[in-house]
Amino acid sequence: MLKGPFLYRTWMGQNPDYNSSDIVMLGMPFDGTVSYRSGSRFAPEMLRLASWGLEEYSPEFNKDLNDVNFNDCGDLEFPLGNTKKSLDIIEENVKQIYADGKRVFGIGGEHLVTLPEFKGVYSKHKDVAVIHFDAHTDLRKEYLGEEMSHSAVMYHIGKIIGFENLKQVGIRSGMKEEWDLMKQYNTLCHSYSDLDCLKNKKVFVTVDLDVLDTSVMSGTGTPEAGGFTFKELIGWFKYLRDFEIVGADVVELAPDYDASGVSTAVATKVIRELLMIM
């Protein structure tokens, strides 16, 4: 009989038992509507491998991953070329996570995966608001005639919850119509206190990794100069410790565009720190 040890491609520090976990890490390797650089479907697997290069302890939060009690349930499998069915698979599985009394931590994949994931959260929590970290507005009604696009994901979510329940951080790119919509509903945050209106609500946090500057995160589908440093992003996470986070995701790592592996390593640490505030 083999005695090992064996390396399993799950996140370090995870609870291998789904039933006793509080949070479920769900890989969503889909990038079927990417409009520039595809490849984010390879992120979940690469992030799991890279996680073993991190420590389980976060000095920023004085907390260990073992204290988070999350189960890495692996990646969903999608039918290539079928966006609708892929989104339905995500929504169905996230609904089950919440039916089981747990919270989701999604790993994309492109940003469109957040829409069905959020619908799964919304099936349990109708009073939920969304905090959106991104370089891009993602408030288009459609892209080249297609409503189901990563560039429209926040518009669709805003239609569900009301745009007054959407707050956006780090935005620096988008169409004029999108900026007008942000101004109309005051969604764009400039300081931590702009989030205070959501303190009495449950919140879902979605992080598009291109919120980070290209000097930090080059391995992403739509890199945008002028973004956050890693420490600046963690500052926002620290402020969110006082919020009731009922779900979260991290999306849009495209690992093959950064051969050094640095972008993947940075994304892995973003995930670890976000887990710490859940």
Protein backbone atom coordinates (compact mmCIF):
# COMPACT_ATOMS: atom_id res chain seq x y z
CA MET A 1 0.00 0.00 0.00
CA LEU A 2 1.36 3.43 -0.95
CA LYS A 3 2.28 5.65 1.99
CA GLY A 4 2.80 9.02 0.27
CA PRO A 5 2.91 11.81 1.19
CA PHE A 6 0.77 13.09 -1.69
CA LEU A 7 0.15 16.63 -2.88
CA TYR A 8 -3.52 17.33 -3.55
CA ARG A 9 -4.37 20.32 -5.74
CA THR A 10 -6.62 22.02 -3.25
CA TRP A 11 -6.03 25.29 -1.46
CA MET A 12 -3.67 25.12 1.46
CA GLY A 13 -5.35 25.45 4.82
CA GLN A 14 -8.72 24.24 3.58
CA ASN A 15 -11.07 22.00 5.53
CA PRO A 16 -11.40 18.84 3.41
CA ASP A 17 -14.87 18.16 4.80
CA TYR A 18 -17.60 20.10 2.99
CA ASN A 19 -20.27 19.39 5.58
CA SER A 20 -18.40 20.94 8.52
CA SER A 21 -17.14 23.98 6.58
CA ASP A 22 -18.55 27.52 6.78
CA ILE A 23 -17.30 28.80 3.41
CA VAL A 24 -17.06 26.94 0.10
CA MET A 25 -14.34 27.87 -2.40
CA LEU A 26 -15.75 27.30 -5.88
CA GLY A 27 -13.64 27.39 -9.03
CA MET A 28 -15.43 28.84 -12.08
CA PRO A 29 -13.03 28.40 -15.04
CA PHE A 30 -15.11 30.21 -17.68
CA ASP A 31 -13.95 32.95 -20.07
CA GLY A 32 -16.38 32.59 -22.96
CA THR A 33 -17.23 36.30 -23.37
CA VAL A 34 -13.78 37.85 -22.95
CA SER A 35 -13.39 40.75 -25.38
CA TYR A 36 -9.60 41.23 -25.28
CA ARG A 37 -7.19 38.66 -23.80
CA SER A 38 -8.67 35.26 -22.97
CA GLY A 39 -7.14 32.73 -20.58
CA SER A 40 -8.77 33.41 -17.22
CA ARG A 41 -10.27 29.92 -17.37
CA PHE A 42 -6.82 28.62 -16.45
CA ALA A 43 -6.66 30.68 -13.26
CA PRO A 44 -8.37 28.45 -10.64
CA GLU A 45 -6.01 25.52 -11.18
CA MET A 46 -2.89 27.71 -11.23
CA LEU A 47 -4.01 29.57 -8.10
CA ARG A 48 -4.37 26.32 -6.18
CA LEU A 49 -0.82 25.36 -7.03
CA ALA A 50 0.50 28.82 -6.18
CA SER A 51 -1.29 28.85 -2.84
CA TRP A 52 1.28 26.42 -1.50
CA GLY A 53 3.90 29.15 -1.86
CA LEU A 54 2.12 31.26 0.77
CA GLU A 55 2.04 31.01 4.53
CA GLU A 56 -1.29 30.13 6.11
CA TYR A 57 -0.89 33.04 8.55
CA SER A 58 -1.74 36.63 7.60
CA PRO A 59 0.17 39.22 9.65
CA GLU A 60 -2.14 41.92 8.25
CA PHE A 61 -5.14 40.33 9.97
CA ASN A 62 -3.40 38.29 12.68
CA LYS A 63 -5.37 35.29 11.51
CA ASP A 64 -4.69 31.85 10.07
CA LEU A 65 -6.43 30.16 7.16
CA ASN A 66 -7.30 27.30 9.47
CA ASP A 67 -9.47 29.77 11.39
CA VAL A 68 -11.50 30.58 8.28
CA ASN A 69 -12.98 27.06 7.95
CA PHE A 70 -13.36 26.92 4.19
CA ASN A 71 -13.68 23.89 1.94
CA ASP A 72 -12.19 23.89 -1.54
CA CYS A 73 -14.74 21.90 -3.53
CA GLY A 74 -12.80 22.18 -6.81
CA ASP A 75 -13.73 23.53 -10.23
CA LEU A 76 -17.04 23.36 -12.00
CA GLU A 77 -16.96 21.81 -15.47
CA PHE A 78 -18.55 23.77 -18.32
CA PRO A 79 -19.69 22.84 -21.84
CA LEU A 80 -17.38 24.74 -24.18
CA GLY A 81 -19.15 27.37 -26.25
CA ASN A 82 -22.40 27.35 -24.27
CA THR A 83 -22.51 30.50 -22.15
CA LYS A 84 -26.09 30.11 -20.93
CA LYS A 85 -25.62 26.55 -19.72
CA SER A 86 -22.33 27.47 -18.06
CA LEU A 87 -23.98 30.32 -16.16
CA ASP A 88 -26.87 28.06 -15.17
CA ILE A 89 -24.40 25.53 -13.74
CA ILE A 90 -22.80 28.24 -11.57
CA GLU A 91 -26.14 29.53 -10.28
CA GLU A 92 -27.44 26.05 -9.48
CA ASN A 93 -24.32 25.12 -7.50
CA VAL A 94 -24.16 28.40 -5.57
CA LYS A 95 -27.83 28.09 -4.65
CA GLN A 96 -27.00 24.67 -3.19
CA ILE A 97 -24.14 26.15 -1.16
CA TYR A 98 -26.55 28.62 0.46
CA ALA A 99 -29.25 25.98 0.89
CA ASP A 100 -26.63 24.08 2.89
CA GLY A 101 -26.16 27.11 5.18
CA LYS A 102 -22.74 28.09 3.83
CA ARG A 103 -21.19 31.06 2.01
CA VAL A 104 -19.44 31.05 -1.34
CA PHE A 105 -15.94 32.23 -2.21
CA GLY A 106 -15.72 32.12 -5.99
CA ILE A 107 -12.58 32.02 -8.12
CA GLY A 108 -12.85 32.96 -11.79
CA GLY A 109 -12.67 32.94 -14.61
CA GLU A 110 -13.90 36.10 -16.25
CA HIS A 111 -16.12 38.59 -14.43
CA LEU A 112 -19.39 37.38 -15.97
CA VAL A 113 -19.24 34.39 -13.60
CA THR A 114 -20.13 36.82 -10.81
CA LEU A 115 -23.66 37.29 -12.21
CA PRO A 116 -24.95 33.72 -11.73
CA GLU A 117 -22.89 33.41 -8.57
CA PHE A 118 -24.57 36.50 -7.18
CA LYS A 119 -27.99 35.21 -8.22
CA GLY A 120 -27.26 32.16 -6.09
CA VAL A 121 -26.44 34.42 -3.14
CA TYR A 122 -29.54 36.51 -3.81
CA SER A 123 -31.72 33.41 -3.59
CA LYS A 124 -30.85 33.38 0.12
CA HIS A 125 -30.24 37.08 0.91
CA LYS A 126 -32.62 39.57 -0.72
CA ASP A 127 -31.21 42.52 1.28
CA VAL A 128 -27.68 42.12 -0.05
CA ALA A 129 -25.56 44.96 -1.50
CA VAL A 130 -22.49 44.64 -3.71
CA ILE A 131 -19.02 46.14 -3.30
CA HIS A 132 -17.20 46.01 -6.62
CA PHE A 133 -13.40 46.39 -6.95
CA ASP A 134 -12.36 46.88 -10.57
CA ALA A 135 -10.56 49.06 -13.10
CA HIS A 136 -13.63 49.04 -15.34
CA THR A 137 -17.21 50.17 -14.82
CA ASP A 138 -18.75 46.92 -16.19
CA LEU A 139 -22.00 48.88 -16.56
CA ARG A 140 -22.68 48.41 -20.26
CA LYS A 141 -26.13 47.18 -21.17
CA GLU A 142 -24.56 44.98 -23.84
CA TYR A 143 -21.34 44.53 -25.80
CA LEU A 144 -21.56 44.12 -29.59
CA GLY A 145 -25.20 43.19 -29.20
CA GLU A 146 -24.59 40.59 -26.49
CA GLU A 147 -26.17 41.22 -23.08
CA MET A 148 -24.33 38.39 -21.36
CA SER A 149 -20.87 39.94 -21.35
CA HIS A 150 -18.19 40.48 -18.72
CA SER A 151 -18.42 44.19 -19.50
CA ALA A 152 -22.11 44.22 -18.51
CA VAL A 153 -21.99 42.18 -15.31
CA MET A 154 -22.47 45.06 -12.86
CA TYR A 155 -25.30 46.52 -14.92
CA HIS A 156 -27.21 43.24 -14.64
CA ILE A 157 -26.51 42.99 -10.91
CA GLY A 158 -27.56 46.62 -10.42
CA LYS A 159 -30.86 45.87 -12.12
CA ILE A 160 -31.45 43.10 -9.57
CA ILE A 161 -30.57 44.95 -6.36
CA GLY A 162 -31.02 48.58 -7.39
CA PHE A 163 -28.00 50.68 -8.30
CA GLU A 164 -28.22 52.47 -4.96
CA ASN A 165 -27.05 49.18 -3.43
CA LEU A 166 -23.92 49.03 -5.59
CA LYS A 167 -20.61 50.60 -4.55
CA GLN A 168 -17.59 50.61 -6.87
CA VAL A 169 -13.93 51.03 -5.93
CA GLY A 170 -10.89 51.67 -8.12
CA ILE A 171 -12.82 52.37 -11.34
CA ARG A 172 -10.81 54.27 -13.93
CA SER A 173 -12.10 53.13 -17.32
CA GLY A 174 -15.46 52.94 -19.06
CA MET A 175 -17.83 54.49 -21.58
CA LYS A 176 -19.30 57.93 -20.90
CA GLU A 177 -22.75 56.40 -20.46
CA GLU A 178 -21.36 54.15 -17.72
CA TRP A 179 -19.74 57.07 -15.92
CA ASP A 180 -23.02 58.95 -16.15
CA LEU A 181 -24.79 55.99 -14.53
CA MET A 182 -22.21 55.92 -11.73
CA LYS A 183 -22.72 59.64 -11.14
CA GLN A 184 -26.52 59.28 -11.19
CA TYR A 185 -26.47 56.69 -8.41
CA ASN A 186 -23.26 57.79 -6.68
CA THR A 187 -21.76 54.33 -6.93
CA LEU A 188 -18.10 55.36 -7.14
CA CYS A 189 -16.19 55.40 -3.84
CA HIS A 190 -13.28 57.73 -3.21
CA SER A 191 -12.70 57.02 0.49
CA TYR A 192 -13.44 54.21 2.94
CA SER A 193 -16.31 56.12 4.52
CA ASP A 194 -18.20 56.07 1.21
CA LEU A 195 -19.02 52.46 2.06
CA ASP A 196 -20.60 53.28 5.42
CA CYS A 197 -24.10 53.41 3.95
CA LEU A 198 -23.87 49.63 3.53
CA LYS A 199 -22.92 48.82 7.13
CA ASN A 200 -26.50 47.86 7.99
CA LYS A 201 -26.68 45.47 5.02
CA LYS A 202 -25.29 42.14 4.05
CA VAL A 203 -22.67 42.58 1.33
CA PHE A 204 -21.17 40.57 -1.48
CA VAL A 205 -17.60 41.55 -2.42
CA THR A 206 -16.33 41.03 -5.96
CA VAL A 207 -12.70 41.74 -6.87
CA ASP A 208 -11.59 42.04 -10.47
CA LEU A 209 -7.81 41.78 -10.19
CA ASP A 210 -7.26 44.53 -12.75
CA VAL A 211 -8.16 46.95 -9.95
CA LEU A 212 -4.44 46.54 -9.19
CA ASP A 213 -1.97 48.55 -11.23
CA THR A 214 -0.35 46.88 -14.23
CA SER A 215 3.00 47.04 -12.42
CA VAL A 216 1.49 44.68 -9.86
CA MET A 217 -0.95 42.69 -11.98
CA SER A 218 0.08 42.30 -15.63
CA GLY A 219 -1.48 38.86 -16.00
CA THR A 220 -5.07 39.86 -16.56
CA GLY A 221 -7.44 40.03 -19.51
CA THR A 222 -7.79 43.81 -19.70
CA PRO A 223 -4.88 45.50 -17.91
CA GLU A 224 -5.43 49.16 -17.07
CA ALA A 225 -2.69 51.54 -15.88
CA GLY A 226 -3.20 53.77 -12.85
CA GLY A 227 -4.49 51.21 -10.37
CA PHE A 228 -4.01 50.32 -6.72
CA THR A 229 -0.88 48.99 -5.12
CA PHE A 230 -1.35 45.76 -3.21
CA LYS A 231 -1.16 47.60 0.11
CA GLU A 232 -3.84 50.06 -1.00
CA LEU A 233 -6.21 47.20 -1.83
CA ILE A 234 -5.55 45.56 1.53
CA GLY A 235 -6.40 48.88 3.20
CA TRP A 236 -9.91 48.60 1.77
CA PHE A 237 -10.12 44.98 2.94
CA LYS A 238 -9.19 46.07 6.47
CA TYR A 239 -12.03 48.58 6.45
CA LEU A 240 -14.42 45.84 5.35
CA ARG A 241 -13.77 43.80 8.50
CA ASP A 242 -16.71 45.60 10.12
CA PHE A 243 -19.13 44.58 7.35
CA GLU A 244 -21.31 41.48 7.15
CA ILE A 245 -19.86 39.70 4.12
CA VAL A 246 -22.13 36.91 2.90
CA GLY A 247 -20.10 35.99 -0.19
CA ALA A 248 -17.11 37.03 -2.28
CA ASP A 249 -15.13 36.28 -5.38
CA VAL A 250 -11.84 37.10 -7.11
CA VAL A 251 -11.80 37.05 -10.90
CA GLU A 252 -9.90 37.90 -14.11
CA LEU A 253 -6.45 36.47 -13.47
CA ALA A 254 -5.11 35.31 -16.84
CA PRO A 255 -1.93 33.58 -15.67
CA ASP A 256 -0.28 32.90 -19.02
CA TYR A 257 0.24 36.61 -19.73
CA ASP A 258 2.77 36.86 -16.90
CA ALA A 259 5.39 34.19 -17.44
CA SER A 260 7.17 35.24 -14.24
CA GLY A 261 4.27 33.90 -12.15
CA VAL A 262 4.17 37.10 -10.12
CA SER A 263 0.59 37.97 -11.08
CA THR A 264 -0.56 34.52 -9.98
CA ALA A 265 1.32 34.89 -6.69
CA VAL A 266 -0.24 38.31 -6.09
CA ALA A 267 -3.72 36.99 -6.90
CA THR A 268 -3.22 34.12 -4.48
CA LYS A 269 -2.38 36.54 -1.68
CA VAL A 270 -5.39 38.71 -2.53
CA ILE A 271 -7.55 35.63 -2.10
CA ARG A 272 -5.93 34.74 1.21
CA GLU A 273 -6.43 38.23 2.62
CA LEU A 274 -10.04 38.43 1.44
CA LEU A 275 -10.77 35.08 3.08
CA MET A 276 -9.47 36.53 6.34
CA ILE A 277 -12.28 39.10 6.54
CA MET A 278 -15.04 36.58 5.94
